[in-house]
């Protein structure tokens, strides 16, 4: 189906293209009656403004790009909704692309979004190096990094305090009488796991509990990863702090298959508070990440940068303990 143009509207009304353009943009000296006539005909014909073409002239497209590592991860829908809701209030449209934790895919996604004339970028859990982020900044593109603590001068970020989250999870397990507490983590080379582990260690050290390397297990960030991790150590622990809720649910399934009483014999805490965690059949105690708020703050911060504010924004959000039936 052919796209309706300004010329189609002009021909239908017997007006010049420039008159139609001014009427739709409401610029210049033009009567209210003509504006209403043109807008009505535009609706009738199904005219859709070409915002990219307009952006080439004005450098303003009212669009931003968001890059997410894995849209199937249950923590990201709430985050994306936070961005979308905040953007809608400011009249912005959002392009969301997935990059599967691949630097090559992330670079391709950035180039694709920039070729679409987005005004700014939100980079979630970026794999770009410091030098690559510097090069992006040199291109004059406003961007905000989310879920990564970027120690790069002049770069703004929004992140959750993972150390605090790991600390309050482990502290709660200690307060309910657990002493042999395991940490089941994912990708210890990655920032979130590394920071949550640091919080776990901090809580143990405060209580004078010896650190046991044999119950700190790195595993795949999945249901199966959590299941296999607890399978290795269940006879040596009375508490588990899992990197995320998906891994924690794997621990719960294993425990229930073995008839292990929760939380009396084994207490379990996850991280994220994904929707399934609150279901009665799961009832998982967890650390809630404020993902919706993180999305809102990411857009608000980007908006400030796009408005030429020279400040650098470093925003830390606090996670919170949600107590349910497993700890």
C-alpha atoms as a PDB file:
ATOM      1  CA  UNK A   1       0.000   0.000   0.000  1.00  0.00           C
ATOM      2  CA  UNK A   2       1.418   3.396  -1.041  1.00  0.00           C
ATOM      3  CA  UNK A   3       2.258   5.871   1.697  1.00  0.00           C
ATOM      4  CA  UNK A   4       0.070   9.000   1.684  1.00  0.00           C
ATOM      5  CA  UNK A   5       2.123  12.168   1.148  1.00  0.00           C
ATOM      6  CA  UNK A   6       1.634  15.882   1.686  1.00  0.00           C
ATOM      7  CA  UNK A   7       1.058  16.202  -2.067  1.00  0.00           C
ATOM      8  CA  UNK A   8      -1.889  13.784  -1.872  1.00  0.00           C
ATOM      9  CA  UNK A   9      -3.533  15.978   0.775  1.00  0.00           C
ATOM     10  CA  UNK A  10      -2.764  19.145  -1.209  1.00  0.00           C
ATOM     11  CA  UNK A  11      -4.247  17.669  -4.417  1.00  0.00           C
ATOM     12  CA  UNK A  12      -7.388  16.524  -2.586  1.00  0.00           C
ATOM     13  CA  UNK A  13      -7.983  20.001  -1.174  1.00  0.00           C
ATOM     14  CA  UNK A  14      -6.730  22.111  -4.069  1.00  0.00           C
ATOM     15  CA  UNK A  15      -4.020  23.657  -1.878  1.00  0.00           C
ATOM     16  CA  UNK A  16      -0.272  23.997  -2.265  1.00  0.00           C
ATOM     17  CA  UNK A  17       2.058  21.506  -0.572  1.00  0.00           C
ATOM     18  CA  UNK A  18       3.644  24.321   1.443  1.00  0.00           C
ATOM     19  CA  UNK A  19       0.220  25.366   2.796  1.00  0.00           C
ATOM     20  CA  UNK A  20      -0.565  21.792   3.841  1.00  0.00           C
ATOM     21  CA  UNK A  21       2.859  21.462   5.488  1.00  0.00           C
ATOM     22  CA  UNK A  22       2.406  24.693   7.445  1.00  0.00           C
ATOM     23  CA  UNK A  23      -1.102  23.666   8.486  1.00  0.00           C
ATOM     24  CA  UNK A  24       0.013  20.306   9.837  1.00  0.00           C
ATOM     25  CA  UNK A  25       2.998  21.783  11.649  1.00  0.00           C
ATOM     26  CA  UNK A  26       0.884  24.796  12.733  1.00  0.00           C
ATOM     27  CA  UNK A  27       3.655  27.161  11.781  1.00  0.00           C
ATOM     28  CA  UNK A  28       3.479  30.419   9.892  1.00  0.00           C
ATOM     29  CA  UNK A  29       0.478  32.601   9.153  1.00  0.00           C
ATOM     30  CA  UNK A  30      -2.428  30.302   8.369  1.00  0.00           C
ATOM     31  CA  UNK A  31      -6.081  30.404   9.389  1.00  0.00           C
ATOM     32  CA  UNK A  32      -7.646  28.124  11.969  1.00  0.00           C
ATOM     33  CA  UNK A  33     -10.212  27.035   9.383  1.00  0.00           C
ATOM     34  CA  UNK A  34      -7.490  25.858   6.985  1.00  0.00           C
ATOM     35  CA  UNK A  35      -5.669  24.003   9.760  1.00  0.00           C
ATOM     36  CA  UNK A  36      -8.847  22.112  10.692  1.00  0.00           C
ATOM     37  CA  UNK A  37      -9.601  21.362   7.028  1.00  0.00           C
ATOM     38  CA  UNK A  38      -6.122  19.976   6.392  1.00  0.00           C
ATOM     39  CA  UNK A  39      -6.020  17.940   9.615  1.00  0.00           C
ATOM     40  CA  UNK A  40      -9.419  16.410   8.848  1.00  0.00           C
ATOM     41  CA  UNK A  41      -8.379  15.435   5.313  1.00  0.00           C
ATOM     42  CA  UNK A  42      -5.077  14.021   6.626  1.00  0.00           C
ATOM     43  CA  UNK A  43      -7.011  11.759   9.004  1.00  0.00           C
ATOM     44  CA  UNK A  44      -9.405  10.678   6.253  1.00  0.00           C
ATOM     45  CA  UNK A  45      -6.561   9.704   3.933  1.00  0.00           C
ATOM     46  CA  UNK A  46      -4.554   7.986   6.693  1.00  0.00           C
ATOM     47  CA  UNK A  47      -1.569  10.306   6.493  1.00  0.00           C
ATOM     48  CA  UNK A  48       1.351   9.306   8.744  1.00  0.00           C
ATOM     49  CA  UNK A  49       4.096  11.934   9.272  1.00  0.00           C
ATOM     50  CA  UNK A  50       7.591  10.834   8.294  1.00  0.00           C
ATOM     51  CA  UNK A  51       9.332  11.596  11.577  1.00  0.00           C
ATOM     52  CA  UNK A  52      12.704  10.417  10.304  1.00  0.00           C
ATOM     53  CA  UNK A  53      12.626  12.767   7.334  1.00  0.00           C
ATOM     54  CA  UNK A  54      11.510  15.548   9.653  1.00  0.00           C
ATOM     55  CA  UNK A  55      14.325  14.660  12.018  1.00  0.00           C
ATOM     56  CA  UNK A  56      16.895  15.020   9.269  1.00  0.00           C
ATOM     57  CA  UNK A  57      15.881  18.671   9.013  1.00  0.00           C
ATOM     58  CA  UNK A  58      15.248  19.485  12.668  1.00  0.00           C
ATOM     59  CA  UNK A  59      17.578  16.883  14.286  1.00  0.00           C
ATOM     60  CA  UNK A  60      14.637  16.028  16.538  1.00  0.00           C
ATOM     61  CA  UNK A  61      12.723  12.784  15.970  1.00  0.00           C
ATOM     62  CA  UNK A  62      11.243  12.267  19.449  1.00  0.00           C
ATOM     63  CA  UNK A  63      12.599   8.726  19.463  1.00  0.00           C
ATOM     64  CA  UNK A  64      15.141   6.950  21.652  1.00  0.00           C
ATOM     65  CA  UNK A  65      16.770   3.532  21.448  1.00  0.00           C
ATOM     66  CA  UNK A  66      16.973   0.953  24.235  1.00  0.00           C
ATOM     67  CA  UNK A  67      19.275  -2.058  24.078  1.00  0.00           C
ATOM     68  CA  UNK A  68      18.489  -4.993  26.392  1.00  0.00           C
ATOM     69  CA  UNK A  69      20.619  -8.141  26.829  1.00  0.00           C
ATOM     70  CA  UNK A  70      17.776 -10.675  26.916  1.00  0.00           C
ATOM     71  CA  UNK A  71      14.144  -9.645  26.517  1.00  0.00           C
ATOM     72  CA  UNK A  72      13.042 -13.146  27.649  1.00  0.00           C
ATOM     73  CA  UNK A  73      14.585 -12.574  31.085  1.00  0.00           C
ATOM     74  CA  UNK A  74      11.578 -11.971  33.393  1.00  0.00           C
ATOM     75  CA  UNK A  75      13.170  -8.948  35.075  1.00  0.00           C
ATOM     76  CA  UNK A  76      13.161  -6.857  31.894  1.00  0.00           C
ATOM     77  CA  UNK A  77       9.443  -6.418  31.030  1.00  0.00           C
ATOM     78  CA  UNK A  78       8.900  -4.221  34.112  1.00  0.00           C
ATOM     79  CA  UNK A  79      12.052  -2.268  33.295  1.00  0.00           C
ATOM     80  CA  UNK A  80      10.977  -1.745  29.689  1.00  0.00           C
ATOM     81  CA  UNK A  81       7.520  -0.641  30.853  1.00  0.00           C
ATOM     82  CA  UNK A  82       9.111   1.961  33.121  1.00  0.00           C
ATOM     83  CA  UNK A  83      10.980   3.415  30.146  1.00  0.00           C
ATOM     84  CA  UNK A  84       7.924   3.318  27.890  1.00  0.00           C
ATOM     85  CA  UNK A  85       5.624   4.998  30.423  1.00  0.00           C
ATOM     86  CA  UNK A  86       8.133   7.768  31.163  1.00  0.00           C
ATOM     87  CA  UNK A  87       8.781   8.297  27.434  1.00  0.00           C
ATOM     88  CA  UNK A  88       5.069   8.481  26.598  1.00  0.00           C
ATOM     89  CA  UNK A  89       4.583  11.313  29.071  1.00  0.00           C
ATOM     90  CA  UNK A  90       7.206  13.315  27.174  1.00  0.00           C
ATOM     91  CA  UNK A  91       5.861  12.438  23.718  1.00  0.00           C
ATOM     92  CA  UNK A  92       8.712  10.043  22.862  1.00  0.00           C
ATOM     93  CA  UNK A  93       8.620   6.731  21.025  1.00  0.00           C
ATOM     94  CA  UNK A  94      10.973   3.904  22.012  1.00  0.00           C
ATOM     95  CA  UNK A  95      12.805   1.353  19.854  1.00  0.00           C
ATOM     96  CA  UNK A  96      13.867  -1.703  21.885  1.00  0.00           C
ATOM     97  CA  UNK A  97      16.500  -4.131  20.538  1.00  0.00           C
ATOM     98  CA  UNK A  98      17.965  -7.325  22.032  1.00  0.00           C
ATOM     99  CA  UNK A  99      21.683  -8.168  21.979  1.00  0.00           C
ATOM    100  CA  UNK A 100      22.026 -11.560  23.750  1.00  0.00           C
ATOM    101  CA  UNK A 101      25.059 -10.382  25.772  1.00  0.00           C
ATOM    102  CA  UNK A 102      27.084 -10.269  22.523  1.00  0.00           C
ATOM    103  CA  UNK A 103      29.279  -7.239  21.989  1.00  0.00           C
ATOM    104  CA  UNK A 104      29.081  -7.645  18.215  1.00  0.00           C
ATOM    105  CA  UNK A 105      25.269  -7.710  18.329  1.00  0.00           C
ATOM    106  CA  UNK A 106      25.239  -4.724  20.670  1.00  0.00           C
ATOM    107  CA  UNK A 107      27.376  -2.688  18.252  1.00  0.00           C
ATOM    108  CA  UNK A 108      25.094  -3.666  15.372  1.00  0.00           C
ATOM    109  CA  UNK A 109      22.055  -2.628  17.420  1.00  0.00           C
ATOM    110  CA  UNK A 110      23.614   0.757  18.229  1.00  0.00           C
ATOM    111  CA  UNK A 111      24.395   1.421  14.559  1.00  0.00           C
ATOM    112  CA  UNK A 112      20.886   0.381  13.536  1.00  0.00           C
ATOM    113  CA  UNK A 113      19.297   2.730  16.078  1.00  0.00           C
ATOM    114  CA  UNK A 114      21.564   5.635  15.159  1.00  0.00           C
ATOM    115  CA  UNK A 115      20.754   5.142  11.484  1.00  0.00           C
ATOM    116  CA  UNK A 116      17.101   5.554  12.485  1.00  0.00           C
ATOM    117  CA  UNK A 117      17.992   8.990  13.905  1.00  0.00           C
ATOM    118  CA  UNK A 118      17.205   8.257  17.555  1.00  0.00           C
ATOM    119  CA  UNK A 119      18.057  11.188  19.803  1.00  0.00           C
ATOM    120  CA  UNK A 120      19.623   9.119  22.576  1.00  0.00           C
ATOM    121  CA  UNK A 121      20.407   5.598  23.819  1.00  0.00           C
ATOM    122  CA  UNK A 122      19.827   3.558  26.957  1.00  0.00           C
ATOM    123  CA  UNK A 123      22.475   0.818  27.166  1.00  0.00           C
ATOM    124  CA  UNK A 124      21.428  -1.981  29.525  1.00  0.00           C
ATOM    125  CA  UNK A 125      24.176  -4.249  30.953  1.00  0.00           C
ATOM    126  CA  UNK A 126      26.437  -3.038  28.148  1.00  0.00           C
ATOM    127  CA  UNK A 127      29.392  -5.131  26.989  1.00  0.00           C
ATOM    128  CA  UNK A 128      31.170  -2.096  25.513  1.00  0.00           C
ATOM    129  CA  UNK A 129      34.620  -1.293  26.863  1.00  0.00           C
ATOM    130  CA  UNK A 130      35.620   2.070  28.316  1.00  0.00           C
ATOM    131  CA  UNK A 131      37.266   3.017  25.029  1.00  0.00           C
ATOM    132  CA  UNK A 132      34.187   2.040  23.023  1.00  0.00           C
ATOM    133  CA  UNK A 133      31.951   4.089  25.307  1.00  0.00           C
ATOM    134  CA  UNK A 134      34.306   7.046  24.868  1.00  0.00           C
ATOM    135  CA  UNK A 135      34.109   6.653  21.092  1.00  0.00           C
ATOM    136  CA  UNK A 136      30.311   6.602  21.277  1.00  0.00           C
ATOM    137  CA  UNK A 137      30.358   9.809  23.308  1.00  0.00           C
ATOM    138  CA  UNK A 138      32.656  11.450  20.732  1.00  0.00           C
ATOM    139  CA  UNK A 139      29.961  10.802  18.139  1.00  0.00           C
ATOM    140  CA  UNK A 140      27.790  13.257  20.072  1.00  0.00           C
ATOM    141  CA  UNK A 141      25.199  10.659  21.115  1.00  0.00           C
ATOM    142  CA  UNK A 142      23.625  11.166  24.563  1.00  0.00           C
ATOM    143  CA  UNK A 143      23.481   7.825  26.370  1.00  0.00           C
ATOM    144  CA  UNK A 144      22.829   6.349  29.807  1.00  0.00           C
ATOM    145  CA  UNK A 145      24.292   3.072  31.033  1.00  0.00           C
ATOM    146  CA  UNK A 146      21.951   0.934  33.159  1.00  0.00           C
ATOM    147  CA  UNK A 147      22.759  -2.031  35.421  1.00  0.00           C
ATOM    148  CA  UNK A 148      26.491  -1.417  35.225  1.00  0.00           C
ATOM    149  CA  UNK A 149      28.684   0.687  37.484  1.00  0.00           C
ATOM    150  CA  UNK A 150      30.639   2.686  34.893  1.00  0.00           C
ATOM    151  CA  UNK A 151      33.765   4.333  36.270  1.00  0.00           C
ATOM    152  CA  UNK A 152      34.172   6.580  33.261  1.00  0.00           C
ATOM    153  CA  UNK A 153      34.349  10.369  33.712  1.00  0.00           C
ATOM    154  CA  UNK A 154      31.429  12.152  32.149  1.00  0.00           C
ATOM    155  CA  UNK A 155      29.264   9.022  31.807  1.00  0.00           C
ATOM    156  CA  UNK A 156      25.870   8.803  33.514  1.00  0.00           C
ATOM    157  CA  UNK A 157      24.453   5.552  34.869  1.00  0.00           C
ATOM    158  CA  UNK A 158      21.484   4.103  36.753  1.00  0.00           C
ATOM    159  CA  UNK A 159      22.084   0.980  38.809  1.00  0.00           C
ATOM    160  CA  UNK A 160      20.781  -1.072  41.715  1.00  0.00           C
ATOM    161  CA  UNK A 161      22.968  -1.446  44.807  1.00  0.00           C
ATOM    162  CA  UNK A 162      23.822  -5.140  44.402  1.00  0.00           C
ATOM    163  CA  UNK A 163      26.226  -5.183  47.352  1.00  0.00           C
ATOM    164  CA  UNK A 164      23.459  -3.987  49.656  1.00  0.00           C
ATOM    165  CA  UNK A 165      21.074  -6.553  48.170  1.00  0.00           C
ATOM    166  CA  UNK A 166      23.491  -9.412  48.819  1.00  0.00           C
ATOM    167  CA  UNK A 167      24.147  -8.104  52.308  1.00  0.00           C
ATOM    168  CA  UNK A 168      20.499  -7.877  53.426  1.00  0.00           C
ATOM    169  CA  UNK A 169      19.719 -11.307  51.953  1.00  0.00           C
ATOM    170  CA  UNK A 170      22.530 -12.996  53.865  1.00  0.00           C
ATOM    171  CA  UNK A 171      21.861 -10.959  57.010  1.00  0.00           C
ATOM    172  CA  UNK A 172      18.252 -12.169  57.028  1.00  0.00           C
ATOM    173  CA  UNK A 173      19.352 -15.800  56.743  1.00  0.00           C
ATOM    174  CA  UNK A 174      21.722 -15.279  59.665  1.00  0.00           C
ATOM    175  CA  UNK A 175      18.988 -13.608  61.733  1.00  0.00           C
ATOM    176  CA  UNK A 176      16.682 -16.607  61.347  1.00  0.00           C
ATOM    177  CA  UNK A 177      19.432 -18.875  62.705  1.00  0.00           C
ATOM    178  CA  UNK A 178      21.164 -20.183  59.591  1.00  0.00           C
ATOM    179  CA  UNK A 179      24.939 -20.599  59.791  1.00  0.00           C
ATOM    180  CA  UNK A 180      25.928 -22.746  56.807  1.00  0.00           C
ATOM    181  CA  UNK A 181      24.796 -20.402  54.062  1.00  0.00           C
ATOM    182  CA  UNK A 182      25.646 -21.095  50.436  1.00  0.00           C
ATOM    183  CA  UNK A 183      25.890 -18.571  47.635  1.00  0.00           C
ATOM    184  CA  UNK A 184      24.795 -19.855  44.236  1.00  0.00           C
ATOM    185  CA  UNK A 185      25.855 -17.369  41.615  1.00  0.00           C
ATOM    186  CA  UNK A 186      26.066 -16.792  37.899  1.00  0.00           C
ATOM    187  CA  UNK A 187      29.047 -15.498  35.921  1.00  0.00           C
ATOM    188  CA  UNK A 188      31.264 -14.351  38.778  1.00  0.00           C
ATOM    189  CA  UNK A 189      33.065 -12.297  36.125  1.00  0.00           C
ATOM    190  CA  UNK A 190      29.902 -10.211  35.699  1.00  0.00           C
ATOM    191  CA  UNK A 191      29.209  -7.181  37.852  1.00  0.00           C
ATOM    192  CA  UNK A 192      25.846  -8.139  39.445  1.00  0.00           C
ATOM    193  CA  UNK A 193      27.036 -11.572  40.624  1.00  0.00           C
ATOM    194  CA  UNK A 194      30.352 -10.178  41.818  1.00  0.00           C
ATOM    195  CA  UNK A 195      28.642  -7.405  43.802  1.00  0.00           C
ATOM    196  CA  UNK A 196      25.988  -9.712  45.317  1.00  0.00           C
ATOM    197  CA  UNK A 197      28.749 -12.094  46.367  1.00  0.00           C
ATOM    198  CA  UNK A 198      30.571  -9.185  47.981  1.00  0.00           C
ATOM    199  CA  UNK A 199      27.466  -8.324  50.012  1.00  0.00           C
ATOM    200  CA  UNK A 200      27.112 -11.979  51.056  1.00  0.00           C
ATOM    201  CA  UNK A 201      30.725 -12.070  52.254  1.00  0.00           C
ATOM    202  CA  UNK A 202      30.314  -8.784  54.127  1.00  0.00           C
ATOM    203  CA  UNK A 203      27.363 -10.124  56.152  1.00  0.00           C
ATOM    204  CA  UNK A 204      29.203 -13.335  57.039  1.00  0.00           C
ATOM    205  CA  UNK A 205      32.326 -11.452  58.123  1.00  0.00           C
ATOM    206  CA  UNK A 206      30.277  -9.124  60.351  1.00  0.00           C
ATOM    207  CA  UNK A 207      28.962 -12.177  62.227  1.00  0.00           C
ATOM    208  CA  UNK A 208      32.369 -13.827  62.413  1.00  0.00           C
ATOM    209  CA  UNK A 209      31.288 -16.718  60.188  1.00  0.00           C
ATOM    210  CA  UNK A 210      34.143 -18.482  58.380  1.00  0.00           C
ATOM    211  CA  UNK A 211      34.035 -18.186  54.587  1.00  0.00           C
ATOM    212  CA  UNK A 212      33.678 -21.610  52.990  1.00  0.00           C
ATOM    213  CA  UNK A 213      34.701 -21.752  49.356  1.00  0.00           C
ATOM    214  CA  UNK A 214      33.088 -25.201  48.985  1.00  0.00           C
ATOM    215  CA  UNK A 215      29.575 -23.735  49.304  1.00  0.00           C
ATOM    216  CA  UNK A 216      30.118 -20.799  46.949  1.00  0.00           C
ATOM    217  CA  UNK A 217      29.022 -22.236  43.615  1.00  0.00           C
ATOM    218  CA  UNK A 218      29.054 -20.689  40.158  1.00  0.00           C
ATOM    219  CA  UNK A 219      26.351 -22.079  37.890  1.00  0.00           C
ATOM    220  CA  UNK A 220      24.252 -21.232  34.865  1.00  0.00           C
ATOM    221  CA  UNK A 221      21.673 -18.494  35.508  1.00  0.00           C
ATOM    222  CA  UNK A 222      18.685 -20.775  34.995  1.00  0.00           C
ATOM    223  CA  UNK A 223      16.286 -23.135  36.719  1.00  0.00           C
ATOM    224  CA  UNK A 224      18.552 -26.076  35.822  1.00  0.00           C
ATOM    225  CA  UNK A 225      21.609 -24.167  37.029  1.00  0.00           C
ATOM    226  CA  UNK A 226      20.081 -23.658  40.472  1.00  0.00           C
ATOM    227  CA  UNK A 227      18.908 -27.275  40.611  1.00  0.00           C
ATOM    228  CA  UNK A 228      22.341 -28.686  39.748  1.00  0.00           C
ATOM    229  CA  UNK A 229      24.151 -26.309  42.110  1.00  0.00           C
ATOM    230  CA  UNK A 230      22.147 -27.296  45.205  1.00  0.00           C
ATOM    231  CA  UNK A 231      22.434 -30.963  44.184  1.00  0.00           C
ATOM    232  CA  UNK A 232      26.179 -30.698  44.810  1.00  0.00           C
ATOM    233  CA  UNK A 233      26.020 -29.105  48.268  1.00  0.00           C
ATOM    234  CA  UNK A 234      22.590 -29.699  49.852  1.00  0.00           C
ATOM    235  CA  UNK A 235      23.998 -31.973  52.592  1.00  0.00           C
ATOM    236  CA  UNK A 236      26.440 -29.246  53.733  1.00  0.00           C
ATOM    237  CA  UNK A 237      24.165 -26.188  54.009  1.00  0.00           C
ATOM    238  CA  UNK A 238      21.114 -24.926  55.888  1.00  0.00           C
ATOM    239  CA  UNK A 239      20.573 -21.742  53.867  1.00  0.00           C
ATOM    240  CA  UNK A 240      20.957 -20.578  50.254  1.00  0.00           C
ATOM    241  CA  UNK A 241      21.228 -17.119  48.780  1.00  0.00           C
ATOM    242  CA  UNK A 242      20.732 -17.503  45.032  1.00  0.00           C
ATOM    243  CA  UNK A 243      21.867 -14.985  42.433  1.00  0.00           C
ATOM    244  CA  UNK A 244      18.345 -14.664  41.068  1.00  0.00           C
ATOM    245  CA  UNK A 245      14.818 -16.004  41.525  1.00  0.00           C
ATOM    246  CA  UNK A 246      15.047 -18.416  38.599  1.00  0.00           C
ATOM    247  CA  UNK A 247      18.027 -20.184  40.198  1.00  0.00           C
ATOM    248  CA  UNK A 248      16.321 -20.066  43.596  1.00  0.00           C
ATOM    249  CA  UNK A 249      13.243 -21.808  42.174  1.00  0.00           C
ATOM    250  CA  UNK A 250      15.522 -24.565  40.887  1.00  0.00           C
ATOM    251  CA  UNK A 251      16.740 -24.957  44.492  1.00  0.00           C
ATOM    252  CA  UNK A 252      13.137 -25.120  45.768  1.00  0.00           C
ATOM    253  CA  UNK A 253      12.184 -27.855  43.307  1.00  0.00           C
ATOM    254  CA  UNK A 254      15.191 -29.962  44.297  1.00  0.00           C
ATOM    255  CA  UNK A 255      14.438 -29.508  48.005  1.00  0.00           C
ATOM    256  CA  UNK A 256      10.788 -30.482  47.610  1.00  0.00           C
ATOM    257  CA  UNK A 257      11.710 -33.547  45.549  1.00  0.00           C
ATOM    258  CA  UNK A 258      13.991 -34.663  48.386  1.00  0.00           C
ATOM    259  CA  UNK A 259      11.431 -33.925  51.089  1.00  0.00           C
ATOM    260  CA  UNK A 260      13.618 -31.214  52.636  1.00  0.00           C
ATOM    261  CA  UNK A 261      11.503 -28.947  54.844  1.00  0.00           C
ATOM    262  CA  UNK A 262      11.471 -25.273  53.872  1.00  0.00           C
ATOM    263  CA  UNK A 263      12.565 -23.112  55.641  1.00  0.00           C
ATOM    264  CA  UNK A 264      13.244 -25.287  58.724  1.00  0.00           C
ATOM    265  CA  UNK A 265      15.899 -27.517  57.155  1.00  0.00           C
ATOM    266  CA  UNK A 266      16.811 -25.267  54.252  1.00  0.00           C
ATOM    267  CA  UNK A 267      16.005 -21.553  53.905  1.00  0.00           C
ATOM    268  CA  UNK A 268      16.186 -20.028  50.426  1.00  0.00           C
ATOM    269  CA  UNK A 269      16.352 -16.419  49.238  1.00  0.00           C
ATOM    270  CA  UNK A 270      16.378 -15.290  45.613  1.00  0.00           C
ATOM    271  CA  UNK A 271      16.969 -11.935  43.944  1.00  0.00           C
ATOM    272  CA  UNK A 272      14.710  -9.910  41.580  1.00  0.00           C
ATOM    273  CA  UNK A 273      11.137 -10.628  42.763  1.00  0.00           C
ATOM    274  CA  UNK A 274       9.908 -11.790  39.362  1.00  0.00           C
ATOM    275  CA  UNK A 275       6.098 -12.215  39.137  1.00  0.00           C
ATOM    276  CA  UNK A 276       6.118 -16.007  39.579  1.00  0.00           C
ATOM    277  CA  UNK A 277       7.951 -15.701  42.926  1.00  0.00           C
ATOM    278  CA  UNK A 278       4.834 -14.433  44.698  1.00  0.00           C
ATOM    279  CA  UNK A 279       2.623 -17.328  43.563  1.00  0.00           C
ATOM    280  CA  UNK A 280       1.460 -19.463  46.528  1.00  0.00           C
ATOM    281  CA  UNK A 281       3.059 -22.582  45.060  1.00  0.00           C
ATOM    282  CA  UNK A 282       6.456 -20.783  45.003  1.00  0.00           C
ATOM    283  CA  UNK A 283       6.145 -18.249  47.861  1.00  0.00           C
ATOM    284  CA  UNK A 284       9.811 -17.289  47.534  1.00  0.00           C
ATOM    285  CA  UNK A 285      11.540 -14.899  49.902  1.00  0.00           C
ATOM    286  CA  UNK A 286      13.589 -12.604  47.701  1.00  0.00           C
ATOM    287  CA  UNK A 287      15.322  -9.281  47.162  1.00  0.00           C
ATOM    288  CA  UNK A 288      13.140  -6.992  45.073  1.00  0.00           C
ATOM    289  CA  UNK A 289      14.862  -5.001  42.347  1.00  0.00           C
ATOM    290  CA  UNK A 290      13.036  -1.751  41.555  1.00  0.00           C
ATOM    291  CA  UNK A 291      13.078  -2.493  37.824  1.00  0.00           C
ATOM    292  CA  UNK A 292      10.140  -0.266  36.865  1.00  0.00           C
ATOM    293  CA  UNK A 293      11.709   2.658  38.728  1.00  0.00           C
ATOM    294  CA  UNK A 294      15.049   1.869  37.110  1.00  0.00           C
ATOM    295  CA  UNK A 295      13.445   2.171  33.684  1.00  0.00           C
ATOM    296  CA  UNK A 296      11.792   5.466  34.611  1.00  0.00           C
ATOM    297  CA  UNK A 297      15.027   6.889  35.982  1.00  0.00           C
ATOM    298  CA  UNK A 298      16.937   5.760  32.897  1.00  0.00           C
ATOM    299  CA  UNK A 299      14.609   7.711  30.600  1.00  0.00           C
ATOM    300  CA  UNK A 300      14.459  10.779  32.880  1.00  0.00           C
ATOM    301  CA  UNK A 301      18.265  10.852  33.023  1.00  0.00           C
ATOM    302  CA  UNK A 302      18.562  10.478  29.256  1.00  0.00           C
ATOM    303  CA  UNK A 303      16.030  13.257  28.764  1.00  0.00           C
ATOM    304  CA  UNK A 304      18.183  15.592  30.854  1.00  0.00           C
ATOM    305  CA  UNK A 305      21.251  14.714  28.791  1.00  0.00           C
ATOM    306  CA  UNK A 306      19.360  15.248  25.525  1.00  0.00           C
ATOM    307  CA  UNK A 307      18.336  18.683  26.771  1.00  0.00           C
ATOM    308  CA  UNK A 308      22.033  19.609  26.846  1.00  0.00           C
ATOM    309  CA  UNK A 309      22.481  19.415  30.597  1.00  0.00           C
ATOM    310  CA  UNK A 310      26.182  19.067  31.262  1.00  0.00           C
ATOM    311  CA  UNK A 311      25.797  17.324  34.621  1.00  0.00           C
ATOM    312  CA  UNK A 312      26.772  13.681  35.109  1.00  0.00           C
ATOM    313  CA  UNK A 313      24.149  11.581  36.862  1.00  0.00           C
ATOM    314  CA  UNK A 314      25.068   8.597  39.043  1.00  0.00           C
ATOM    315  CA  UNK A 315      21.855   7.081  40.381  1.00  0.00           C
ATOM    316  CA  UNK A 316      21.835   4.184  42.833  1.00  0.00           C
ATOM    317  CA  UNK A 317      18.539   2.455  43.648  1.00  0.00           C
ATOM    318  CA  UNK A 318      18.071   0.397  46.815  1.00  0.00           C
ATOM    319  CA  UNK A 319      16.676  -3.138  46.585  1.00  0.00           C
ATOM    320  CA  UNK A 320      14.438  -4.396  49.421  1.00  0.00           C
ATOM    321  CA  UNK A 321      13.848  -7.662  51.239  1.00  0.00           C
ATOM    322  CA  UNK A 322      10.471  -9.321  50.544  1.00  0.00           C
ATOM    323  CA  UNK A 323       9.786 -11.995  53.188  1.00  0.00           C
ATOM    324  CA  UNK A 324       7.635 -14.953  52.166  1.00  0.00           C
ATOM    325  CA  UNK A 325       7.633 -18.618  53.056  1.00  0.00           C
ATOM    326  CA  UNK A 326      11.088 -19.901  52.115  1.00  0.00           C
ATOM    327  CA  UNK A 327      13.178 -17.876  54.594  1.00  0.00           C
END
